[in-house]
Amino acid sequence: MARQAMEELCQVYWFPLYAFVRRLGNSPEDAQDLTQEFFARLIEKRWLDRAEQSRGRFRSFLLAAFKHFLAVEWHRER
């Protein structure tokens, strides 16, 4: 059940996050890599455990987590 839910979450949100990172000027390949790495860490680090329904929409949480991930990756590369 949890695996199916995670697969659905990735299917629903992968392209919007990919498109977001493309709009930031990343190449298609880099955008794919960043999006895949984000989902891998989301699962591995259990970031979804931090999502609280009382704090707002899930989409907003996911986008904020993605932006934070991108900032950390940008700093790591510099």
Protein backbone atom coordinates (compact mmCIF):
# COMPACT_ATOMS: atom_id res chain seq x y z
CA MET A 1 0.00 0.00 0.00
CA ALA A 2 2.72 2.52 0.96
CA ARG A 3 4.80 1.60 -2.08
CA GLN A 4 1.83 2.12 -4.38
CA ALA A 5 1.11 5.50 -2.78
CA MET A 6 4.75 6.55 -3.24
CA GLU A 7 4.69 5.48 -6.89
CA GLU A 8 1.53 7.49 -7.46
CA LEU A 9 3.02 10.52 -5.72
CA CYS A 10 6.09 10.33 -7.95
CA GLN A 11 3.98 9.95 -11.09
CA VAL A 12 1.75 12.89 -10.21
CA TYR A 13 4.46 15.33 -9.13
CA TRP A 14 7.50 14.34 -11.20
CA PHE A 15 6.67 16.39 -14.29
CA PRO A 16 5.61 19.59 -12.47
CA LEU A 17 8.87 19.55 -10.47
CA TYR A 18 10.88 18.73 -13.59
CA ALA A 19 9.21 21.63 -15.44
CA PHE A 20 9.92 23.96 -12.51
CA VAL A 21 13.65 23.15 -12.55
CA ARG A 22 13.73 23.49 -16.36
CA ARG A 23 12.23 26.99 -16.07
CA LEU A 24 15.18 27.84 -13.82
CA GLY A 25 17.43 27.32 -16.84
CA ASN A 26 18.66 23.76 -16.33
CA SER A 27 19.22 21.47 -19.29
CA PRO A 28 16.75 18.61 -19.79
CA GLU A 29 19.36 16.10 -18.58
CA ASP A 30 20.26 18.12 -15.48
CA ALA A 31 16.58 18.71 -14.73
CA GLN A 32 15.89 14.98 -14.96
CA ASP A 33 18.83 14.19 -12.69
CA LEU A 34 17.82 16.79 -10.11
CA THR A 35 14.20 15.68 -10.10
CA GLN A 36 15.12 12.00 -9.77
CA GLU A 37 17.62 12.75 -6.99
CA PHE A 38 15.01 14.79 -5.15
CA PHE A 39 12.54 11.92 -5.17
CA ALA A 40 15.24 9.48 -4.14
CA ARG A 41 16.13 11.64 -1.13
CA LEU A 42 12.47 12.31 -0.36
CA ILE A 43 12.04 8.57 0.10
CA GLU A 44 15.44 7.78 1.62
CA LYS A 45 15.43 10.62 4.18
CA ARG A 46 11.71 10.23 4.93
CA TRP A 47 11.06 13.94 4.32
CA LEU A 48 7.35 13.23 3.97
CA ASP A 49 7.24 12.57 7.70
CA ARG A 50 7.69 16.33 8.15
CA ALA A 51 4.57 17.23 6.17
CA GLU A 52 1.78 18.48 8.41
CA GLN A 53 -1.71 18.92 7.05
CA SER A 54 -2.33 21.80 9.45
CA ARG A 55 0.52 23.80 7.85
CA GLY A 56 -1.06 24.00 4.41
CA ARG A 57 -1.27 22.26 1.10
CA PHE A 58 0.90 19.27 0.29
CA ARG A 59 1.89 20.86 -3.02
CA SER A 60 3.32 23.83 -1.15
CA PHE A 61 5.28 21.54 1.17
CA LEU A 62 6.67 19.57 -1.76
CA LEU A 63 7.69 22.69 -3.68
CA ALA A 64 9.36 24.19 -0.60
CA ALA A 65 11.26 20.94 -0.02
CA PHE A 66 12.30 20.89 -3.69
CA LYS A 67 13.50 24.50 -3.56
CA HIS A 68 15.52 23.73 -0.43
CA PHE A 69 17.00 20.65 -2.12
CA LEU A 70 17.95 22.74 -5.19
CA ALA A 71 19.58 25.41 -3.02
CA VAL A 72 21.66 22.80 -1.19
CA GLU A 73 22.69 21.23 -4.51
CA TRP A 74 23.62 24.64 -5.93
CA HIS A 75 25.78 25.41 -2.89
CA ARG A 76 27.37 21.97 -3.06
CA GLU A 77 28.38 22.58 -6.68
CA ARG A 78 29.91 25.97 -5.91
